[in-house]
Amino acid sequence: LEILYRRTELCHFSGAKIYPGKGIRFICADSQVISLHQAHMDSHVTGSSTRRMGVAQLRMFCCNDLFALDYRRTLVKGLQLWSIVGATLEVIQKKRTEKPEVRDAAREAALRYATFLCD
């Protein structure tokens, strides 16, 4: 039988096993190759602070943070009207500004006319 051989490496930062196709390799200036299990562990090698990892993302999606609400709010503009096919914008706005009694009378007249045509 053919034995399948997996070459596993150990993470330089956490000591976890790294299987083929996973992890990243970091090559230092002195040609030293360091293999890391996850991408966020490269902060250990590069010298950046691990405390700052993902703070911006956590802050954006935290529900209790008052500052995070500003990020998620979108700019709401005023109501915009567009003309519909068969009616111009002026006609639509004129109908909206009519009094309710006038609109009701026009609706009843249109219903009477429609029933007259059907009979």
PDB file of N, CA and C in Angstrom:
ATOM      1  N   LEU A   1       0.834  -1.189   0.000  1.00  0.00           N
ATOM      2  CA  LEU A   1       0.000   0.000   0.000  1.00  0.00           C
ATOM      3  C   LEU A   1       0.873   1.245   0.000  1.00  0.00           C
ATOM      4  N   GLU A   2       0.318   2.233  -0.681  1.00  0.00           N
ATOM      5  CA  GLU A   2       1.046   3.495  -0.739  1.00  0.00           C
ATOM      6  C   GLU A   2       0.685   4.327   0.484  1.00  0.00           C
ATOM      7  N   ILE A   3       1.661   4.772   1.178  1.00  0.00           N
ATOM      8  CA  ILE A   3       1.426   5.564   2.383  1.00  0.00           C
ATOM      9  C   ILE A   3       1.399   7.034   1.994  1.00  0.00           C
ATOM     10  N   LEU A   4       0.302   7.689   2.374  1.00  0.00           N
ATOM     11  CA  LEU A   4       0.194   9.120   2.118  1.00  0.00           C
ATOM     12  C   LEU A   4       0.964   9.860   3.201  1.00  0.00           C
ATOM     13  N   TYR A   5       1.823  10.731   2.766  1.00  0.00           N
ATOM     14  CA  TYR A   5       2.669  11.447   3.706  1.00  0.00           C
ATOM     15  C   TYR A   5       2.280  12.916   3.689  1.00  0.00           C
ATOM     16  N   ARG A   6       1.884  13.408   4.836  1.00  0.00           N
ATOM     17  CA  ARG A   6       1.570  14.828   4.974  1.00  0.00           C
ATOM     18  C   ARG A   6       2.706  15.494   5.730  1.00  0.00           C
ATOM     19  N   ARG A   7       3.204  16.513   5.131  1.00  0.00           N
ATOM     20  CA  ARG A   7       4.286  17.237   5.782  1.00  0.00           C
ATOM     21  C   ARG A   7       3.673  18.365   6.598  1.00  0.00           C
ATOM     22  N   THR A   8       3.651  18.222   7.880  1.00  0.00           N
ATOM     23  CA  THR A   8       3.105  19.259   8.748  1.00  0.00           C
ATOM     24  C   THR A   8       4.250  20.053   9.350  1.00  0.00           C
ATOM     25  N   GLU A   9       3.967  21.315   9.592  1.00  0.00           N
ATOM     26  CA  GLU A   9       4.942  22.189  10.229  1.00  0.00           C
ATOM     27  C   GLU A   9       4.331  22.717  11.517  1.00  0.00           C
ATOM     28  N   LEU A  10       5.142  23.318  12.325  1.00  0.00           N
ATOM     29  CA  LEU A  10       4.661  23.914  13.566  1.00  0.00           C
ATOM     30  C   LEU A  10       4.662  25.427  13.438  1.00  0.00           C
ATOM     31  N   CYS A  11       3.626  26.034  13.992  1.00  0.00           N
ATOM     32  CA  CYS A  11       3.515  27.490  13.967  1.00  0.00           C
ATOM     33  C   CYS A  11       4.593  28.089  14.870  1.00  0.00           C
ATOM     34  N   HIS A  12       5.259  29.105  14.366  1.00  0.00           N
ATOM     35  CA  HIS A  12       6.328  29.758  15.118  1.00  0.00           C
ATOM     36  C   HIS A  12       5.773  30.501  16.334  1.00  0.00           C
ATOM     37  N   PHE A  13       4.518  30.939  16.240  1.00  0.00           N
ATOM     38  CA  PHE A  13       3.919  31.754  17.301  1.00  0.00           C
ATOM     39  C   PHE A  13       3.175  30.896  18.315  1.00  0.00           C
ATOM     40  N   SER A  14       2.261  30.019  17.835  1.00  0.00           N
ATOM     41  CA  SER A  14       1.399  29.285  18.758  1.00  0.00           C
ATOM     42  C   SER A  14       1.822  27.838  18.968  1.00  0.00           C
ATOM     43  N   GLY A  15       2.642  27.297  18.075  1.00  0.00           N
ATOM     44  CA  GLY A  15       3.058  25.910  18.209  1.00  0.00           C
ATOM     45  C   GLY A  15       2.053  24.922  17.648  1.00  0.00           C
ATOM     46  N   ALA A  16       1.001  25.400  16.998  1.00  0.00           N
ATOM     47  CA  ALA A  16      -0.016  24.519  16.424  1.00  0.00           C
ATOM     48  C   ALA A  16       0.499  23.906  15.129  1.00  0.00           C
ATOM     49  N   LYS A  17      -0.078  22.749  14.767  1.00  0.00           N
ATOM     50  CA  LYS A  17       0.316  22.090  13.524  1.00  0.00           C
ATOM     51  C   LYS A  17      -0.255  22.845  12.334  1.00  0.00           C
ATOM     52  N   ILE A  18       0.545  22.972  11.291  1.00  0.00           N
ATOM     53  CA  ILE A  18       0.100  23.612  10.053  1.00  0.00           C
ATOM     54  C   ILE A  18       0.107  22.543   8.972  1.00  0.00           C
ATOM     55  N   TYR A  19      -1.064  22.263   8.423  1.00  0.00           N
ATOM     56  CA  TYR A  19      -1.185  21.262   7.375  1.00  0.00           C
ATOM     57  C   TYR A  19      -0.961  21.902   6.012  1.00  0.00           C
ATOM     58  N   PRO A  20      -0.665  21.082   4.999  1.00  0.00           N
ATOM     59  CA  PRO A  20      -0.383  21.631   3.667  1.00  0.00           C
ATOM     60  C   PRO A  20      -1.548  22.446   3.122  1.00  0.00           C
ATOM     61  N   GLY A  21      -1.230  23.592   2.540  1.00  0.00           N
ATOM     62  CA  GLY A  21      -2.251  24.473   1.984  1.00  0.00           C
ATOM     63  C   GLY A  21      -2.810  25.461   2.974  1.00  0.00           C
ATOM     64  N   LYS A  22      -2.387  25.380   4.224  1.00  0.00           N
ATOM     65  CA  LYS A  22      -2.885  26.281   5.260  1.00  0.00           C
ATOM     66  C   LYS A  22      -1.743  27.152   5.761  1.00  0.00           C
ATOM     67  N   GLY A  23      -2.101  28.232   6.416  1.00  0.00           N
ATOM     68  CA  GLY A  23      -1.106  29.091   7.033  1.00  0.00           C
ATOM     69  C   GLY A  23      -0.364  29.953   6.029  1.00  0.00           C
ATOM     70  N   ILE A  24       0.534  30.779   6.547  1.00  0.00           N
ATOM     71  CA  ILE A  24       1.343  31.648   5.694  1.00  0.00           C
ATOM     72  C   ILE A  24       2.805  31.516   6.098  1.00  0.00           C
ATOM     73  N   ARG A  25       3.680  31.859   5.162  1.00  0.00           N
ATOM     74  CA  ARG A  25       5.111  31.854   5.438  1.00  0.00           C
ATOM     75  C   ARG A  25       5.609  33.282   5.409  1.00  0.00           C
ATOM     76  N   PHE A  26       6.383  33.626   6.402  1.00  0.00           N
ATOM     77  CA  PHE A  26       6.927  34.965   6.528  1.00  0.00           C
ATOM     78  C   PHE A  26       8.440  34.864   6.403  1.00  0.00           C
ATOM     79  N   ILE A  27       8.998  35.592   5.444  1.00  0.00           N
ATOM     80  CA  ILE A  27      10.442  35.557   5.230  1.00  0.00           C
ATOM     81  C   ILE A  27      11.036  36.848   5.780  1.00  0.00           C
ATOM     82  N   CYS A  28      11.896  36.716   6.765  1.00  0.00           N
ATOM     83  CA  CYS A  28      12.507  37.882   7.405  1.00  0.00           C
ATOM     84  C   CYS A  28      13.630  38.434   6.532  1.00  0.00           C
ATOM     85  N   ALA A  29      14.170  39.567   6.948  1.00  0.00           N
ATOM     86  CA  ALA A  29      15.241  40.219   6.191  1.00  0.00           C
ATOM     87  C   ALA A  29      16.520  39.391   6.189  1.00  0.00           C
ATOM     88  N   ASP A  30      16.733  38.581   7.240  1.00  0.00           N
ATOM     89  CA  ASP A  30      17.939  37.750   7.301  1.00  0.00           C
ATOM     90  C   ASP A  30      17.699  36.366   6.697  1.00  0.00           C
ATOM     91  N   SER A  31      16.691  36.251   5.811  1.00  0.00           N
ATOM     92  CA  SER A  31      16.340  35.018   5.086  1.00  0.00           C
ATOM     93  C   SER A  31      15.864  33.904   6.000  1.00  0.00           C
ATOM     94  N   GLN A  32      15.401  34.240   7.168  1.00  0.00           N
ATOM     95  CA  GLN A  32      14.833  33.241   8.067  1.00  0.00           C
ATOM     96  C   GLN A  32      13.362  33.054   7.707  1.00  0.00           C
ATOM     97  N   VAL A  33      12.926  31.809   7.502  1.00  0.00           N
ATOM     98  CA  VAL A  33      11.552  31.507   7.111  1.00  0.00           C
ATOM     99  C   VAL A  33      10.762  31.143   8.356  1.00  0.00           C
ATOM    100  N   ILE A  34       9.676  31.866   8.578  1.00  0.00           N
ATOM    101  CA  ILE A  34       8.811  31.619   9.727  1.00  0.00           C
ATOM    102  C   ILE A  34       7.439  31.235   9.193  1.00  0.00           C
ATOM    103  N   SER A  35       6.913  30.113   9.646  1.00  0.00           N
ATOM    104  CA  SER A  35       5.574  29.695   9.230  1.00  0.00           C
ATOM    105  C   SER A  35       4.593  30.003  10.350  1.00  0.00           C
ATOM    106  N   LEU A  36       3.461  30.560   9.968  1.00  0.00           N
ATOM    107  CA  LEU A  36       2.448  30.984  10.933  1.00  0.00           C
ATOM    108  C   LEU A  36       1.125  30.313  10.606  1.00  0.00           C
ATOM    109  N   HIS A  37       0.377  29.966  11.638  1.00  0.00           N
ATOM    110  CA  HIS A  37      -0.880  29.238  11.455  1.00  0.00           C
ATOM    111  C   HIS A  37      -1.977  30.122  10.901  1.00  0.00           C
ATOM    112  N   GLN A  38      -2.113  31.329  11.422  1.00  0.00           N
ATOM    113  CA  GLN A  38      -3.156  32.246  10.974  1.00  0.00           C
ATOM    114  C   GLN A  38      -2.522  33.564  10.568  1.00  0.00           C
ATOM    115  N   ALA A  39      -3.274  34.315   9.772  1.00  0.00           N
ATOM    116  CA  ALA A  39      -2.725  35.556   9.243  1.00  0.00           C
ATOM    117  C   ALA A  39      -2.524  36.599  10.334  1.00  0.00           C
ATOM    118  N   HIS A  40      -3.369  36.573  11.370  1.00  0.00           N
ATOM    119  CA  HIS A  40      -3.241  37.625  12.383  1.00  0.00           C
ATOM    120  C   HIS A  40      -2.052  37.398  13.309  1.00  0.00           C
ATOM    121  N   MET A  41      -1.397  36.265  13.198  1.00  0.00           N
ATOM    122  CA  MET A  41      -0.224  36.016  14.027  1.00  0.00           C
ATOM    123  C   MET A  41       1.018  36.700  13.488  1.00  0.00           C
ATOM    124  N   ASP A  42       0.929  37.273  12.274  1.00  0.00           N
ATOM    125  CA  ASP A  42       2.102  37.954  11.734  1.00  0.00           C
ATOM    126  C   ASP A  42       2.401  39.239  12.486  1.00  0.00           C
ATOM    127  N   SER A  43       1.469  39.698  13.307  1.00  0.00           N
ATOM    128  CA  SER A  43       1.758  40.866  14.133  1.00  0.00           C
ATOM    129  C   SER A  43       2.857  40.547  15.142  1.00  0.00           C
ATOM    130  N   HIS A  44       2.980  39.269  15.499  1.00  0.00           N
ATOM    131  CA  HIS A  44       4.056  38.842  16.399  1.00  0.00           C
ATOM    132  C   HIS A  44       5.418  39.047  15.738  1.00  0.00           C
ATOM    133  N   VAL A  45       5.475  38.804  14.433  1.00  0.00           N
ATOM    134  CA  VAL A  45       6.740  38.901  13.715  1.00  0.00           C
ATOM    135  C   VAL A  45       7.023  40.339  13.307  1.00  0.00           C
ATOM    136  N   THR A  46       5.997  41.026  12.815  1.00  0.00           N
ATOM    137  CA  THR A  46       6.209  42.373  12.297  1.00  0.00           C
ATOM    138  C   THR A  46       6.374  43.409  13.394  1.00  0.00           C
ATOM    139  N   GLY A  47       6.002  43.069  14.618  1.00  0.00           N
ATOM    140  CA  GLY A  47       6.190  43.990  15.724  1.00  0.00           C
ATOM    141  C   GLY A  47       5.010  44.902  15.967  1.00  0.00           C
ATOM    142  N   SER A  48       3.929  44.739  15.216  1.00  0.00           N
ATOM    143  CA  SER A  48       2.755  45.572  15.458  1.00  0.00           C
ATOM    144  C   SER A  48       2.017  45.063  16.688  1.00  0.00           C
ATOM    145  N   SER A  49       1.248  45.926  17.304  1.00  0.00           N
ATOM    146  CA  SER A  49       0.581  45.595  18.550  1.00  0.00           C
ATOM    147  C   SER A  49      -0.572  44.633  18.299  1.00  0.00           C
ATOM    148  N   THR A  50      -0.623  43.555  19.069  1.00  0.00           N
ATOM    149  CA  THR A  50      -1.723  42.603  18.925  1.00  0.00           C
ATOM    150  C   THR A  50      -3.000  43.133  19.571  1.00  0.00           C
ATOM    151  N   ARG A  51      -2.879  44.148  20.423  1.00  0.00           N
ATOM    152  CA  ARG A  51      -4.076  44.706  21.051  1.00  0.00           C
ATOM    153  C   ARG A  51      -4.968  45.393  20.029  1.00  0.00           C
ATOM    154  N   ARG A  52      -4.365  45.902  18.960  1.00  0.00           N
ATOM    155  CA  ARG A  52      -5.135  46.661  17.986  1.00  0.00           C
ATOM    156  C   ARG A  52      -5.805  45.778  16.948  1.00  0.00           C
ATOM    157  N   MET A  53      -5.653  44.491  17.066  1.00  0.00           N
ATOM    158  CA  MET A  53      -6.185  43.584  16.061  1.00  0.00           C
ATOM    159  C   MET A  53      -7.706  43.639  16.052  1.00  0.00           C
ATOM    160  N   GLY A  54      -8.277  43.997  14.934  1.00  0.00           N
ATOM    161  CA  GLY A  54      -9.721  43.931  14.769  1.00  0.00           C
ATOM    162  C   GLY A  54     -10.503  44.875  15.634  1.00  0.00           C
ATOM    163  N   VAL A  55      -9.859  45.855  16.252  1.00  0.00           N
ATOM    164  CA  VAL A  55     -10.583  46.765  17.131  1.00  0.00           C
ATOM    165  C   VAL A  55     -11.566  47.595  16.326  1.00  0.00           C
ATOM    166  N   ALA A  56     -11.143  48.015  15.137  1.00  0.00           N
ATOM    167  CA  ALA A  56     -12.025  48.830  14.310  1.00  0.00           C
ATOM    168  C   ALA A  56     -13.249  48.030  13.885  1.00  0.00           C
ATOM    169  N   GLN A  57     -13.061  46.768  13.517  1.00  0.00           N
ATOM    170  CA  GLN A  57     -14.188  45.942  13.103  1.00  0.00           C
ATOM    171  C   GLN A  57     -15.129  45.696  14.273  1.00  0.00           C
ATOM    172  N   LEU A  58     -14.573  45.370  15.436  1.00  0.00           N
ATOM    173  CA  LEU A  58     -15.420  45.123  16.596  1.00  0.00           C
ATOM    174  C   LEU A  58     -16.191  46.378  16.963  1.00  0.00           C
ATOM    175  N   ARG A  59     -15.550  47.514  16.846  1.00  0.00           N
ATOM    176  CA  ARG A  59     -16.202  48.757  17.211  1.00  0.00           C
ATOM    177  C   ARG A  59     -17.328  49.080  16.246  1.00  0.00           C
ATOM    178  N   MET A  60     -17.140  48.718  14.974  1.00  0.00           N
ATOM    179  CA  MET A  60     -18.176  49.012  13.993  1.00  0.00           C
ATOM    180  C   MET A  60     -19.436  48.215  14.256  1.00  0.00           C
ATOM    181  N   PHE A  61     -19.292  46.953  14.652  1.00  0.00           N
ATOM    182  CA  PHE A  61     -20.443  46.077  14.762  1.00  0.00           C
ATOM    183  C   PHE A  61     -20.938  45.906  16.187  1.00  0.00           C
ATOM    184  N   CYS A  62     -20.338  46.602  17.136  1.00  0.00           N
ATOM    185  CA  CYS A  62     -20.803  46.518  18.509  1.00  0.00           C
ATOM    186  C   CYS A  62     -22.078  47.334  18.653  1.00  0.00           C
ATOM    187  N   CYS A  63     -23.122  46.732  19.211  1.00  0.00           N
ATOM    188  CA  CYS A  63     -24.422  47.405  19.272  1.00  0.00           C
ATOM    189  C   CYS A  63     -24.490  48.415  20.408  1.00  0.00           C
ATOM    190  N   ASN A  64     -23.712  48.208  21.476  1.00  0.00           N
ATOM    191  CA  ASN A  64     -23.819  49.078  22.636  1.00  0.00           C
ATOM    192  C   ASN A  64     -22.968  50.335  22.519  1.00  0.00           C
ATOM    193  N   ASP A  65     -22.101  50.379  21.543  1.00  0.00           N
ATOM    194  CA  ASP A  65     -21.200  51.512  21.402  1.00  0.00           C
ATOM    195  C   ASP A  65     -21.924  52.655  20.705  1.00  0.00           C
ATOM    196  N   LEU A  66     -21.946  53.812  21.317  1.00  0.00           N
ATOM    197  CA  LEU A  66     -22.657  54.944  20.731  1.00  0.00           C
ATOM    198  C   LEU A  66     -21.950  55.468  19.498  1.00  0.00           C
ATOM    199  N   PHE A  67     -20.624  55.385  19.486  1.00  0.00           N
ATOM    200  CA  PHE A  67     -19.887  55.883  18.336  1.00  0.00           C
ATOM    201  C   PHE A  67     -20.076  54.983  17.125  1.00  0.00           C
ATOM    202  N   ALA A  68     -20.333  53.711  17.364  1.00  0.00           N
ATOM    203  CA  ALA A  68     -20.494  52.775  16.250  1.00  0.00           C
ATOM    204  C   ALA A  68     -21.772  53.059  15.475  1.00  0.00           C
ATOM    205  N   LEU A  69     -22.754  53.646  16.136  1.00  0.00           N
ATOM    206  CA  LEU A  69     -24.010  53.937  15.449  1.00  0.00           C
ATOM    207  C   LEU A  69     -23.803  54.967  14.355  1.00  0.00           C
ATOM    208  N   ASP A  70     -22.846  55.876  14.554  1.00  0.00           N
ATOM    209  CA  ASP A  70     -22.578  56.881  13.535  1.00  0.00           C
ATOM    210  C   ASP A  70     -22.040  56.250  12.262  1.00  0.00           C
ATOM    211  N   TYR A  71     -21.271  55.173  12.404  1.00  0.00           N
ATOM    212  CA  TYR A  71     -20.714  54.523  11.227  1.00  0.00           C
ATOM    213  C   TYR A  71     -21.813  53.880  10.394  1.00  0.00           C
ATOM    214  N   ARG A  72     -22.802  53.288  11.074  1.00  0.00           N
ATOM    215  CA  ARG A  72     -23.815  52.519  10.360  1.00  0.00           C
ATOM    216  C   ARG A  72     -24.934  53.382   9.806  1.00  0.00           C
ATOM    217  N   ARG A  73     -25.049  54.604  10.279  1.00  0.00           N
ATOM    218  CA  ARG A  73     -26.112  55.468   9.773  1.00  0.00           C
ATOM    219  C   ARG A  73     -25.795  55.900   8.356  1.00  0.00           C
ATOM    220  N   THR A  74     -26.809  55.944   7.539  1.00  0.00           N
ATOM    221  CA  THR A  74     -26.623  56.414   6.172  1.00  0.00           C
ATOM    222  C   THR A  74     -27.300  57.763   6.025  1.00  0.00           C
ATOM    223  N   LEU A  75     -26.827  58.512   5.081  1.00  0.00           N
ATOM    224  CA  LEU A  75     -27.377  59.834   4.844  1.00  0.00           C
ATOM    225  C   LEU A  75     -28.737  59.691   4.178  1.00  0.00           C
ATOM    226  N   VAL A  76     -29.768  60.206   4.817  1.00  0.00           N
ATOM    227  CA  VAL A  76     -31.119  60.101   4.282  1.00  0.00           C
ATOM    228  C   VAL A  76     -31.471  61.438   3.664  1.00  0.00           C
ATOM    229  N   LYS A  77     -31.698  61.420   2.387  1.00  0.00           N
ATOM    230  CA  LYS A  77     -32.069  62.647   1.706  1.00  0.00           C
ATOM    231  C   LYS A  77     -33.578  62.811   1.778  1.00  0.00           C
ATOM    232  N   GLY A  78     -34.043  63.958   1.332  1.00  0.00           N
ATOM    233  CA  GLY A  78     -35.471  64.206   1.320  1.00  0.00           C
ATOM    234  C   GLY A  78     -36.189  63.313   0.328  1.00  0.00           C
ATOM    235  N   LEU A  79     -37.492  63.258   0.448  1.00  0.00           N
ATOM    236  CA  LEU A  79     -38.306  62.422  -0.425  1.00  0.00           C
ATOM    237  C   LEU A  79     -38.227  62.947  -1.845  1.00  0.00           C
ATOM    238  N   GLN A  80     -37.910  62.067  -2.771  1.00  0.00           N
ATOM    239  CA  GLN A  80     -37.815  62.464  -4.165  1.00  0.00           C
ATOM    240  C   GLN A  80     -38.967  61.846  -4.936  1.00  0.00           C
ATOM    241  N   LEU A  81     -39.554  62.620  -5.819  1.00  0.00           N
ATOM    242  CA  LEU A  81     -40.676  62.150  -6.626  1.00  0.00           C
ATOM    243  C   LEU A  81     -40.249  62.039  -8.073  1.00  0.00           C
ATOM    244  N   TRP A  82     -40.713  61.000  -8.731  1.00  0.00           N
ATOM    245  CA  TRP A  82     -40.466  60.816 -10.152  1.00  0.00           C
ATOM    246  C   TRP A  82     -41.802  60.714 -10.863  1.00  0.00           C
ATOM    247  N   SER A  83     -41.812  61.169 -12.088  1.00  0.00           N
ATOM    248  CA  SER A  83     -43.046  61.056 -12.858  1.00  0.00           C
ATOM    249  C   SER A  83     -43.235  59.607 -13.289  1.00  0.00           C
ATOM    250  N   ILE A  84     -44.493  59.192 -13.352  1.00  0.00           N
ATOM    251  CA  ILE A  84     -44.847  57.834 -13.745  1.00  0.00           C
ATOM    252  C   ILE A  84     -45.307  57.881 -15.191  1.00  0.00           C
ATOM    253  N   VAL A  85     -45.210  56.759 -15.870  1.00  0.00           N
ATOM    254  CA  VAL A  85     -45.635  56.702 -17.266  1.00  0.00           C
ATOM    255  C   VAL A  85     -47.127  57.016 -17.336  1.00  0.00           C
ATOM    256  N   GLY A  86     -47.494  57.999 -18.130  1.00  0.00           N
ATOM    257  CA  GLY A  86     -48.898  58.389 -18.276  1.00  0.00           C
ATOM    258  C   GLY A  86     -49.289  59.561 -17.401  1.00  0.00           C
ATOM    259  N   ALA A  87     -48.441  59.952 -16.460  1.00  0.00           N
ATOM    260  CA  ALA A  87     -48.743  61.091 -15.595  1.00  0.00           C
ATOM    261  C   ALA A  87     -47.449  61.845 -15.328  1.00  0.00           C
ATOM    262  N   THR A  88     -47.490  63.141 -15.545  1.00  0.00           N
ATOM    263  CA  THR A  88     -46.307  63.948 -15.286  1.00  0.00           C
ATOM    264  C   THR A  88     -46.199  64.252 -13.800  1.00  0.00           C
ATOM    265  N   LEU A  89     -45.084  64.795 -13.413  1.00  0.00           N
ATOM    266  CA  LEU A  89     -44.850  65.105 -12.006  1.00  0.00           C
ATOM    267  C   LEU A  89     -45.794  66.194 -11.511  1.00  0.00           C
ATOM    268  N   GLU A  90     -46.132  67.141 -12.387  1.00  0.00           N
ATOM    269  CA  GLU A  90     -47.045  68.221 -11.988  1.00  0.00           C
ATOM    270  C   GLU A  90     -48.436  67.678 -11.686  1.00  0.00           C
ATOM    271  N   VAL A  91     -48.907  66.736 -12.499  1.00  0.00           N
ATOM    272  CA  VAL A  91     -50.244  66.155 -12.289  1.00  0.00           C
ATOM    273  C   VAL A  91     -50.282  65.389 -10.974  1.00  0.00           C
ATOM    274  N   ILE A  92     -49.216  64.646 -10.681  1.00  0.00           N
ATOM    275  CA  ILE A  92     -49.171  63.870  -9.438  1.00  0.00           C
ATOM    276  C   ILE A  92     -49.176  64.798  -8.231  1.00  0.00           C
ATOM    277  N   GLN A  93     -48.382  65.865  -8.278  1.00  0.00           N
ATOM    278  CA  GLN A  93     -48.346  66.789  -7.144  1.00  0.00           C
ATOM    279  C   GLN A  93     -49.657  67.541  -6.991  1.00  0.00           C
ATOM    280  N   LYS A  94     -50.335  67.843  -8.102  1.00  0.00           N
ATOM    281  CA  LYS A  94     -51.627  68.527  -8.021  1.00  0.00           C
ATOM    282  C   LYS A  94     -52.669  67.636  -7.350  1.00  0.00           C
ATOM    283  N   LYS A  95     -52.654  66.344  -7.675  1.00  0.00           N
ATOM    284  CA  LYS A  95     -53.597  65.415  -7.050  1.00  0.00           C
ATOM    285  C   LYS A  95     -53.291  65.236  -5.565  1.00  0.00           C
ATOM    286  N   ARG A  96     -52.035  65.294  -5.201  1.00  0.00           N
ATOM    287  CA  ARG A  96     -51.675  65.127  -3.793  1.00  0.00           C
ATOM    288  C   ARG A  96     -52.107  66.322  -2.952  1.00  0.00           C
ATOM    289  N   THR A  97     -52.113  67.510  -3.550  1.00  0.00           N
ATOM    290  CA  THR A  97     -52.472  68.707  -2.784  1.00  0.00           C
ATOM    291  C   THR A  97     -53.976  68.968  -2.768  1.00  0.00           C
ATOM    292  N   GLU A  98     -54.758  68.168  -3.494  1.00  0.00           N
ATOM    293  CA  GLU A  98     -56.215  68.360  -3.479  1.00  0.00           C
ATOM    294  C   GLU A  98     -56.782  68.020  -2.107  1.00  0.00           C
ATOM    295  N   LYS A  99     -57.950  68.563  -1.814  1.00  0.00           N
ATOM    296  CA  LYS A  99     -58.622  68.252  -0.563  1.00  0.00           C
ATOM    297  C   LYS A  99     -59.212  66.841  -0.648  1.00  0.00           C
ATOM    298  N   PRO A 100     -59.361  66.168   0.485  1.00  0.00           N
ATOM    299  CA  PRO A 100     -59.885  64.796   0.466  1.00  0.00           C
ATOM    300  C   PRO A 100     -61.298  64.695  -0.108  1.00  0.00           C
ATOM    301  N   GLU A 101     -62.135  65.738   0.132  1.00  0.00           N
ATOM    302  CA  GLU A 101     -63.509  65.684  -0.379  1.00  0.00           C
ATOM    303  C   GLU A 101     -63.515  65.689  -1.906  1.00  0.00           C
ATOM    304  N   VAL A 102     -62.648  66.501  -2.488  1.00  0.00           N
ATOM    305  CA  VAL A 102     -62.581  66.586  -3.949  1.00  0.00           C
ATOM    306  C   VAL A 102     -62.089  65.262  -4.521  1.00  0.00           C
ATOM    307  N   ARG A 103     -61.101  64.643  -3.864  1.00  0.00           N
ATOM    308  CA  ARG A 103     -60.585  63.358  -4.344  1.00  0.00           C
ATOM    309  C   ARG A 103     -61.639  62.268  -4.234  1.00  0.00           C
ATOM    310  N   ASP A 104     -62.413  62.269  -3.122  1.00  0.00           N
ATOM    311  CA  ASP A 104     -63.480  61.272  -2.966  1.00  0.00           C
ATOM    312  C   ASP A 104     -64.547  61.435  -4.035  1.00  0.00           C
ATOM    313  N   ALA A 105     -64.926  62.688  -4.331  1.00  0.00           N
ATOM    314  CA  ALA A 105     -65.944  62.932  -5.358  1.00  0.00           C
ATOM    315  C   ALA A 105     -65.439  62.478  -6.727  1.00  0.00           C
ATOM    316  N   ALA A 106     -64.169  62.731  -7.023  1.00  0.00           N
ATOM    317  CA  ALA A 106     -63.604  62.306  -8.305  1.00  0.00           C
ATOM    318  C   ALA A 106     -63.558  60.784  -8.396  1.00  0.00           C
ATOM    319  N   ARG A 107     -63.253  60.122  -7.281  1.00  0.00           N
ATOM    320  CA  ARG A 107     -63.208  58.661  -7.278  1.00  0.00           C
ATOM    321  C   ARG A 107     -64.593  58.070  -7.514  1.00  0.00           C
ATOM    322  N   GLU A 108     -65.601  58.634  -6.854  1.00  0.00           N
ATOM    323  CA  GLU A 108     -66.972  58.139  -7.046  1.00  0.00           C
ATOM    324  C   GLU A 108     -67.447  58.378  -8.474  1.00  0.00           C
ATOM    325  N   ALA A 109     -67.100  59.521  -9.046  1.00  0.00           N
ATOM    326  CA  ALA A 109     -67.490  59.796 -10.430  1.00  0.00           C
ATOM    327  C   ALA A 109     -66.821  58.804 -11.383  1.00  0.00           C
ATOM    328  N   ALA A 110     -65.556  58.466 -11.110  1.00  0.00           N
ATOM    329  CA  ALA A 110     -64.860  57.498 -11.954  1.00  0.00           C
ATOM    330  C   ALA A 110     -65.482  56.116 -11.820  1.00  0.00           C
ATOM    331  N   LEU A 111     -65.915  55.746 -10.607  1.00  0.00           N
ATOM    332  CA  LEU A 111     -66.579  54.454 -10.414  1.00  0.00           C
ATOM    333  C   LEU A 111     -67.912  54.405 -11.147  1.00  0.00           C
ATOM    334  N   ARG A 112     -68.677  55.506 -11.064  1.00  0.00           N
ATOM    335  CA  ARG A 112     -69.967  55.554 -11.766  1.00  0.00           C
ATOM    336  C   ARG A 112     -69.765  55.430 -13.274  1.00  0.00           C
ATOM    337  N   TYR A 113     -68.734  56.097 -13.782  1.00  0.00           N
ATOM    338  CA  TYR A 113     -68.462  56.045 -15.218  1.00  0.00           C
ATOM    339  C   TYR A 113     -68.041  54.629 -15.635  1.00  0.00           C
ATOM    340  N   ALA A 114     -67.247  53.958 -14.785  1.00  0.00           N
ATOM    341  CA  ALA A 114     -66.798  52.604 -15.109  1.00  0.00           C
ATOM    342  C   ALA A 114     -67.957  51.620 -15.092  1.00  0.00           C
ATOM    343  N   THR A 115     -68.864  51.754 -14.116  1.00  0.00           N
ATOM    344  CA  THR A 115     -70.026  50.855 -14.078  1.00  0.00           C
ATOM    345  C   THR A 115     -70.980  51.148 -15.223  1.00  0.00           C
ATOM    346  N   PHE A 116     -71.050  52.409 -15.660  1.00  0.00           N
ATOM    347  CA  PHE A 116     -71.903  52.770 -16.799  1.00  0.00           C
ATOM    348  C   PHE A 116     -71.382  52.115 -18.083  1.00  0.00           C
ATOM    349  N   LEU A 117     -70.047  52.084 -18.234  1.00  0.00           N
ATOM    350  CA  LEU A 117     -69.465  51.467 -19.426  1.00  0.00           C
ATOM    351  C   LEU A 117     -69.648  49.951 -19.423  1.00  0.00           C
ATOM    352  N   CYS A 118     -69.610  49.320 -18.251  1.00  0.00           N
ATOM    353  CA  CYS A 118     -69.751  47.864 -18.174  1.00  0.00           C
ATOM    354  C   CYS A 118     -71.185  47.423 -18.442  1.00  0.00           C
ATOM    355  N   ASP A 119     -72.172  48.248 -18.101  1.00  0.00           N
ATOM    356  CA  ASP A 119     -73.586  47.858 -18.288  1.00  0.00           C
ATOM    357  C   ASP A 119     -74.037  48.028 -19.674  1.00  0.00           C
TER     358      ASP A 119
END
